[in-house]
N, C-alpha and C. Protein backbone atom coordinates (compact mmCIF):
# COMPACT_ATOMS: atom_id res chain seq x y z
N UNK A 1 175.92 53.52 141.30
CA UNK A 1 175.97 52.56 140.24
C UNK A 1 176.90 53.09 139.15
N UNK A 2 177.85 52.26 138.73
CA UNK A 2 178.77 52.65 137.66
C UNK A 2 178.08 52.50 136.31
N UNK A 3 178.10 53.56 135.54
CA UNK A 3 177.50 53.58 134.20
C UNK A 3 178.55 53.22 133.15
N UNK A 4 179.77 53.68 133.34
CA UNK A 4 180.83 53.39 132.38
C UNK A 4 182.20 53.71 132.94
N UNK A 5 183.20 53.03 132.38
CA UNK A 5 184.60 53.22 132.74
C UNK A 5 185.40 53.38 131.45
N UNK A 6 186.29 54.35 131.42
CA UNK A 6 187.13 54.53 130.24
C UNK A 6 188.54 54.93 130.63
N UNK A 7 189.48 54.57 129.78
CA UNK A 7 190.87 54.96 129.99
C UNK A 7 191.49 55.29 128.64
N UNK A 8 192.49 56.13 128.65
CA UNK A 8 193.18 56.48 127.41
C UNK A 8 194.61 56.90 127.74
N UNK A 9 195.51 56.65 126.79
CA UNK A 9 196.91 57.05 126.90
C UNK A 9 197.29 57.82 125.63
N UNK A 10 198.03 58.89 125.80
CA UNK A 10 198.42 59.76 124.70
C UNK A 10 199.93 59.87 124.63
N UNK A 11 200.48 59.75 123.44
CA UNK A 11 201.89 59.99 123.20
C UNK A 11 202.12 61.49 123.12
N UNK A 12 202.95 62.03 123.99
CA UNK A 12 203.22 63.46 123.96
C UNK A 12 203.88 63.87 122.64
N UNK A 13 204.75 63.03 122.09
CA UNK A 13 205.41 63.36 120.83
C UNK A 13 204.40 63.46 119.69
N UNK A 14 203.45 62.54 119.66
CA UNK A 14 202.43 62.55 118.61
C UNK A 14 201.54 63.78 118.73
N UNK A 15 201.12 64.10 119.96
CA UNK A 15 200.28 65.28 120.16
C UNK A 15 201.04 66.55 119.81
N UNK A 16 202.31 66.61 120.18
CA UNK A 16 203.13 67.79 119.86
C UNK A 16 203.19 68.00 118.35
N UNK A 17 203.37 66.92 117.61
CA UNK A 17 203.43 67.00 116.15
C UNK A 17 202.10 67.51 115.58
N UNK A 18 200.97 66.99 116.09
CA UNK A 18 199.66 67.41 115.60
C UNK A 18 199.40 68.88 115.93
N UNK A 19 199.74 69.28 117.14
CA UNK A 19 199.51 70.67 117.52
C UNK A 19 200.38 71.62 116.69
N UNK A 20 201.61 71.24 116.41
CA UNK A 20 202.49 72.08 115.59
C UNK A 20 201.99 72.16 114.16
N UNK A 21 201.50 71.06 113.65
CA UNK A 21 201.05 71.00 112.25
C UNK A 21 199.78 71.82 112.03
N UNK A 22 198.84 71.74 112.95
CA UNK A 22 197.54 72.38 112.74
C UNK A 22 197.33 73.63 113.59
N UNK A 23 198.17 73.84 114.58
CA UNK A 23 198.21 75.04 115.40
C UNK A 23 196.84 75.42 115.98
N UNK A 24 196.46 76.67 115.86
CA UNK A 24 195.26 77.18 116.54
C UNK A 24 193.97 76.46 116.13
N UNK A 25 193.76 76.13 114.87
CA UNK A 25 192.50 75.43 114.53
C UNK A 25 192.32 74.11 115.30
N UNK A 26 193.39 73.37 115.50
CA UNK A 26 193.26 72.11 116.24
C UNK A 26 193.05 72.38 117.73
N UNK A 27 193.68 73.40 118.27
CA UNK A 27 193.45 73.76 119.67
C UNK A 27 191.98 74.14 119.88
N UNK A 28 191.42 74.91 118.94
CA UNK A 28 190.03 75.34 119.06
C UNK A 28 189.07 74.16 118.92
N UNK A 29 189.44 73.17 118.14
CA UNK A 29 188.59 71.99 117.95
C UNK A 29 188.63 71.06 119.17
N UNK A 30 189.79 70.97 119.82
CA UNK A 30 189.97 70.00 120.90
C UNK A 30 189.74 70.55 122.30
N UNK A 31 190.00 71.84 122.50
CA UNK A 31 190.03 72.38 123.86
C UNK A 31 189.17 73.64 123.98
N UNK A 32 188.51 73.76 125.13
CA UNK A 32 187.68 74.93 125.38
C UNK A 32 188.56 76.18 125.54
N UNK A 33 187.98 77.37 125.38
CA UNK A 33 188.75 78.59 125.62
C UNK A 33 189.37 78.63 127.03
N UNK A 34 188.64 78.13 128.02
CA UNK A 34 189.18 78.12 129.39
C UNK A 34 190.39 77.19 129.49
N UNK A 35 190.33 76.02 128.85
CA UNK A 35 191.47 75.10 128.88
C UNK A 35 192.67 75.73 128.17
N UNK A 36 192.43 76.40 127.06
CA UNK A 36 193.53 77.05 126.33
C UNK A 36 194.14 78.17 127.16
N UNK A 37 193.30 78.94 127.82
CA UNK A 37 193.82 80.03 128.66
C UNK A 37 194.67 79.48 129.80
N UNK A 38 194.20 78.41 130.41
CA UNK A 38 194.96 77.80 131.51
C UNK A 38 196.30 77.25 131.02
N UNK A 39 196.29 76.62 129.84
CA UNK A 39 197.55 76.11 129.27
C UNK A 39 198.51 77.26 129.01
N UNK A 40 197.98 78.39 128.56
CA UNK A 40 198.80 79.56 128.29
C UNK A 40 199.49 80.11 129.52
N UNK A 41 199.01 79.77 130.69
CA UNK A 41 199.63 80.22 131.94
C UNK A 41 200.85 79.38 132.32
N UNK A 42 201.01 78.23 131.65
CA UNK A 42 202.16 77.37 131.94
C UNK A 42 203.42 78.06 131.43
N UNK A 43 204.51 77.90 132.17
CA UNK A 43 205.73 78.67 131.90
C UNK A 43 206.56 78.15 130.73
N UNK A 44 206.39 76.88 130.37
CA UNK A 44 207.21 76.35 129.30
C UNK A 44 206.39 75.44 128.39
N UNK A 45 206.90 75.20 127.20
CA UNK A 45 206.21 74.39 126.21
C UNK A 45 205.98 72.96 126.71
N UNK A 46 206.92 72.41 127.44
CA UNK A 46 206.78 71.05 127.96
C UNK A 46 205.60 70.96 128.93
N UNK A 47 205.45 71.95 129.79
CA UNK A 47 204.34 71.96 130.74
C UNK A 47 203.01 72.13 130.01
N UNK A 48 202.99 72.98 128.98
CA UNK A 48 201.78 73.16 128.18
C UNK A 48 201.39 71.86 127.48
N UNK A 49 202.37 71.19 126.91
CA UNK A 49 202.10 69.94 126.20
C UNK A 49 201.53 68.89 127.16
N UNK A 50 202.11 68.75 128.34
CA UNK A 50 201.59 67.81 129.33
C UNK A 50 200.17 68.16 129.75
N UNK A 51 199.92 69.45 129.91
CA UNK A 51 198.58 69.93 130.27
C UNK A 51 197.58 69.51 129.21
N UNK A 52 197.89 69.80 127.95
CA UNK A 52 196.98 69.43 126.85
C UNK A 52 196.83 67.92 126.72
N UNK A 53 197.92 67.19 126.84
CA UNK A 53 197.88 65.73 126.66
C UNK A 53 196.98 65.08 127.70
N UNK A 54 197.07 65.51 128.95
CA UNK A 54 196.22 64.93 129.99
C UNK A 54 194.75 65.22 129.71
N UNK A 55 194.45 66.41 129.25
CA UNK A 55 193.06 66.75 128.96
C UNK A 55 192.55 66.00 127.73
N UNK A 56 193.39 65.85 126.73
CA UNK A 56 193.02 65.07 125.55
C UNK A 56 192.69 63.63 125.97
N UNK A 57 193.54 63.05 126.80
CA UNK A 57 193.32 61.68 127.29
C UNK A 57 192.03 61.60 128.10
N UNK A 58 191.73 62.61 128.91
CA UNK A 58 190.51 62.60 129.71
C UNK A 58 189.26 62.64 128.84
N UNK A 59 189.30 63.43 127.79
CA UNK A 59 188.15 63.52 126.88
C UNK A 59 187.94 62.19 126.16
N UNK A 60 189.02 61.56 125.72
CA UNK A 60 188.92 60.24 125.08
C UNK A 60 188.41 59.20 126.07
N UNK A 61 188.93 59.22 127.29
CA UNK A 61 188.49 58.27 128.31
C UNK A 61 187.01 58.46 128.65
N UNK A 62 186.57 59.72 128.70
CA UNK A 62 185.15 60.00 128.94
C UNK A 62 184.29 59.39 127.84
N UNK A 63 184.68 59.62 126.58
CA UNK A 63 183.91 59.10 125.45
C UNK A 63 183.86 57.57 125.48
N UNK A 64 184.95 56.95 125.90
CA UNK A 64 184.96 55.48 126.03
C UNK A 64 184.05 55.04 127.16
N UNK A 65 184.06 55.75 128.28
CA UNK A 65 183.17 55.41 129.39
C UNK A 65 181.71 55.57 128.98
N UNK A 66 181.44 56.55 128.15
CA UNK A 66 180.09 56.79 127.67
C UNK A 66 179.67 55.75 126.63
N UNK A 67 180.68 55.19 125.95
CA UNK A 67 180.40 54.18 124.94
C UNK A 67 180.09 54.73 123.56
N UNK A 68 180.39 56.01 123.35
CA UNK A 68 180.05 56.64 122.07
C UNK A 68 181.26 56.98 121.21
N UNK A 69 182.40 57.22 121.83
CA UNK A 69 183.53 57.78 121.11
C UNK A 69 183.27 59.26 120.85
N UNK A 70 184.27 59.91 120.28
CA UNK A 70 184.13 61.33 119.91
C UNK A 70 183.60 61.37 118.49
N UNK A 71 182.63 62.23 118.24
CA UNK A 71 182.05 62.32 116.91
C UNK A 71 180.69 62.97 116.98
N UNK A 72 179.69 62.34 116.38
CA UNK A 72 178.35 62.91 116.34
C UNK A 72 177.73 63.05 117.73
N UNK A 73 178.00 62.09 118.61
CA UNK A 73 177.37 62.10 119.94
C UNK A 73 178.07 63.02 120.93
N UNK A 74 179.37 63.19 120.79
CA UNK A 74 180.16 63.97 121.75
C UNK A 74 181.22 64.75 120.98
N UNK A 75 181.28 66.06 121.22
CA UNK A 75 182.37 66.84 120.62
C UNK A 75 183.42 67.13 121.69
N UNK A 76 184.62 67.41 121.24
CA UNK A 76 185.75 67.61 122.15
C UNK A 76 185.48 68.71 123.17
N UNK A 77 184.83 69.78 122.75
CA UNK A 77 184.67 70.92 123.65
C UNK A 77 183.43 70.81 124.54
N UNK A 78 182.69 69.69 124.43
CA UNK A 78 181.57 69.46 125.34
C UNK A 78 182.03 68.77 126.62
N UNK A 79 183.30 68.41 126.66
CA UNK A 79 183.91 67.83 127.86
C UNK A 79 185.09 68.72 128.22
N UNK A 80 185.08 69.24 129.43
CA UNK A 80 186.12 70.17 129.87
C UNK A 80 186.71 69.68 131.18
N UNK A 81 188.01 69.80 131.30
CA UNK A 81 188.68 69.43 132.54
C UNK A 81 189.07 70.73 133.27
N UNK A 82 188.54 70.88 134.46
CA UNK A 82 188.86 72.02 135.32
C UNK A 82 189.47 71.45 136.60
N UNK A 83 189.84 72.31 137.50
CA UNK A 83 190.38 71.85 138.78
C UNK A 83 189.53 72.42 139.92
N UNK A 84 189.32 71.59 140.95
CA UNK A 84 188.58 72.08 142.12
C UNK A 84 189.51 72.94 142.98
N UNK A 85 189.00 73.38 144.10
CA UNK A 85 189.77 74.28 144.98
C UNK A 85 191.05 73.65 145.51
N UNK A 86 191.10 72.32 145.53
CA UNK A 86 192.30 71.62 145.99
C UNK A 86 193.24 71.25 144.85
N UNK A 87 192.87 71.59 143.62
CA UNK A 87 193.70 71.29 142.47
C UNK A 87 193.38 69.97 141.79
N UNK A 88 192.42 69.21 142.33
CA UNK A 88 192.06 67.93 141.73
C UNK A 88 191.30 68.15 140.42
N UNK A 89 191.53 67.32 139.42
CA UNK A 89 190.81 67.48 138.16
C UNK A 89 189.34 67.10 138.31
N UNK A 90 188.51 67.84 137.61
CA UNK A 90 187.05 67.64 137.62
C UNK A 90 186.57 67.75 136.18
N UNK A 91 185.65 66.86 135.80
CA UNK A 91 185.06 66.93 134.46
C UNK A 91 183.79 67.76 134.51
N UNK A 92 183.67 68.68 133.55
CA UNK A 92 182.43 69.40 133.29
C UNK A 92 181.95 68.91 131.93
N UNK A 93 180.67 68.57 131.85
CA UNK A 93 180.12 68.00 130.62
C UNK A 93 178.94 68.87 130.19
N UNK A 94 178.89 69.18 128.89
CA UNK A 94 177.90 70.09 128.34
C UNK A 94 177.19 69.48 127.12
N UNK A 95 176.12 70.14 126.70
CA UNK A 95 175.49 69.87 125.41
C UNK A 95 175.07 68.44 125.17
N UNK A 96 175.33 67.98 123.93
CA UNK A 96 174.94 66.62 123.53
C UNK A 96 175.63 65.56 124.39
N UNK A 97 176.82 65.85 124.84
CA UNK A 97 177.53 64.89 125.68
C UNK A 97 176.75 64.67 126.98
N UNK A 98 176.27 65.74 127.58
CA UNK A 98 175.48 65.59 128.81
C UNK A 98 174.16 64.90 128.51
N UNK A 99 173.55 65.20 127.36
CA UNK A 99 172.32 64.51 126.97
C UNK A 99 172.54 63.01 126.90
N UNK A 100 173.68 62.60 126.33
CA UNK A 100 174.01 61.18 126.23
C UNK A 100 174.15 60.55 127.62
N UNK A 101 174.80 61.28 128.52
CA UNK A 101 174.96 60.79 129.90
C UNK A 101 173.58 60.62 130.54
N UNK A 102 172.75 61.63 130.43
CA UNK A 102 171.44 61.60 131.09
C UNK A 102 170.56 60.48 130.54
N UNK A 103 170.75 60.13 129.28
CA UNK A 103 170.00 59.01 128.71
C UNK A 103 170.37 57.68 129.37
N UNK A 104 171.56 57.59 129.92
CA UNK A 104 172.03 56.35 130.56
C UNK A 104 171.73 56.27 132.05
N UNK A 105 171.40 57.40 132.65
CA UNK A 105 171.21 57.47 134.09
C UNK A 105 169.78 57.04 134.44
N UNK A 106 169.63 56.14 135.41
CA UNK A 106 168.29 55.73 135.82
C UNK A 106 167.48 56.90 136.39
N UNK A 107 166.17 56.81 136.27
CA UNK A 107 165.28 57.82 136.82
C UNK A 107 165.56 57.95 138.32
N UNK A 108 165.58 59.19 138.80
CA UNK A 108 165.83 59.44 140.21
C UNK A 108 167.31 59.55 140.56
N UNK A 109 168.17 59.47 139.54
CA UNK A 109 169.61 59.56 139.78
C UNK A 109 170.20 60.76 139.05
N UNK A 110 171.38 61.14 139.47
CA UNK A 110 172.14 62.22 138.84
C UNK A 110 173.53 61.68 138.49
N UNK A 111 174.17 62.27 137.48
CA UNK A 111 175.50 61.78 137.12
C UNK A 111 176.58 62.36 138.03
N UNK A 112 177.61 61.56 138.24
CA UNK A 112 178.82 62.01 138.92
C UNK A 112 179.99 61.49 138.09
N UNK A 113 180.98 62.35 137.88
CA UNK A 113 182.13 61.99 137.07
C UNK A 113 183.38 61.94 137.95
N UNK A 114 184.17 60.91 137.74
CA UNK A 114 185.44 60.76 138.43
C UNK A 114 186.52 60.73 137.36
N UNK A 115 187.60 61.47 137.58
CA UNK A 115 188.70 61.50 136.61
C UNK A 115 190.03 61.50 137.34
N UNK A 116 190.97 60.73 136.79
CA UNK A 116 192.33 60.72 137.30
C UNK A 116 193.26 60.94 136.11
N UNK A 117 194.21 61.84 136.27
CA UNK A 117 195.16 62.20 135.20
C UNK A 117 196.58 61.93 135.65
N UNK A 118 197.43 61.55 134.70
CA UNK A 118 198.85 61.37 135.00
C UNK A 118 199.66 61.59 133.73
N UNK A 119 200.92 61.95 133.90
CA UNK A 119 201.82 62.02 132.75
C UNK A 119 203.24 61.73 133.18
N UNK A 120 204.00 61.28 132.22
CA UNK A 120 205.42 61.02 132.37
C UNK A 120 206.11 61.67 131.19
N UNK A 121 207.37 61.41 130.99
CA UNK A 121 208.12 62.07 129.92
C UNK A 121 207.52 61.84 128.54
N UNK A 122 207.05 60.64 128.26
CA UNK A 122 206.60 60.29 126.91
C UNK A 122 205.10 60.19 126.75
N UNK A 123 204.36 60.01 127.85
CA UNK A 123 202.94 59.72 127.75
C UNK A 123 202.13 60.45 128.81
N UNK A 124 200.84 60.63 128.49
CA UNK A 124 199.85 61.10 129.46
C UNK A 124 198.71 60.10 129.43
N UNK A 125 198.04 59.93 130.56
CA UNK A 125 196.95 58.98 130.63
C UNK A 125 195.84 59.53 131.52
N UNK A 126 194.63 59.02 131.27
CA UNK A 126 193.47 59.41 132.07
C UNK A 126 192.58 58.20 132.28
N UNK A 127 191.88 58.24 133.38
CA UNK A 127 190.92 57.20 133.75
C UNK A 127 189.65 57.93 134.17
N UNK A 128 188.50 57.52 133.60
CA UNK A 128 187.23 58.19 133.89
C UNK A 128 186.19 57.15 134.28
N UNK A 129 185.42 57.49 135.30
CA UNK A 129 184.25 56.70 135.70
C UNK A 129 183.03 57.61 135.65
N UNK A 130 181.98 57.12 134.99
CA UNK A 130 180.69 57.81 135.03
C UNK A 130 179.81 57.01 135.99
N UNK A 131 179.29 57.70 136.99
CA UNK A 131 178.50 57.05 138.04
C UNK A 131 177.12 57.68 138.11
N UNK A 132 176.12 56.89 138.45
CA UNK A 132 174.78 57.39 138.74
C UNK A 132 174.59 57.34 140.25
N UNK A 133 174.23 58.47 140.82
CA UNK A 133 173.99 58.54 142.27
C UNK A 133 172.55 58.97 142.51
N UNK A 134 171.96 58.58 143.62
CA UNK A 134 170.59 59.03 143.91
C UNK A 134 170.50 60.55 143.96
N UNK A 135 169.54 61.12 143.25
CA UNK A 135 169.37 62.57 143.24
C UNK A 135 168.86 63.06 144.58
N UNK A 136 168.12 62.22 145.28
CA UNK A 136 167.61 62.55 146.62
C UNK A 136 168.57 61.95 147.65
N UNK A 137 169.28 62.80 148.40
CA UNK A 137 170.28 62.27 149.35
C UNK A 137 169.70 61.37 150.44
N UNK A 138 168.36 61.40 150.64
CA UNK A 138 167.74 60.56 151.66
C UNK A 138 167.54 59.12 151.17
N UNK A 139 167.72 58.86 149.88
CA UNK A 139 167.57 57.50 149.32
C UNK A 139 168.87 56.77 149.30
């Protein structure tokens, strides 16, 4: 059962300006230490910017799918984008954000998150689906 769907698009130029203006404090507010470390492994500034922009879009899309937005209910670092063994993006959700998800999930179900990321020269975008699946695989 689909609980929510969200999408977001980010201007790379706008994000670049914000990151340059506020530097490390904004990185710490928006991205987990693991996301920052992974971005630091990128060889050039353009690749780092695309990496951050896709994750920023994913966090916004998640908050839209949840129906709360970013703020009191969900903080930026409670949603993390990691990659599975095949390199596909995966959402990890923590803290109050996960509490909000669990409040929407029917009894006997568990949450599943789907995320798709993309970027081009000027923009990055993300699409997120929050799904409730039976917690008991026999149901």
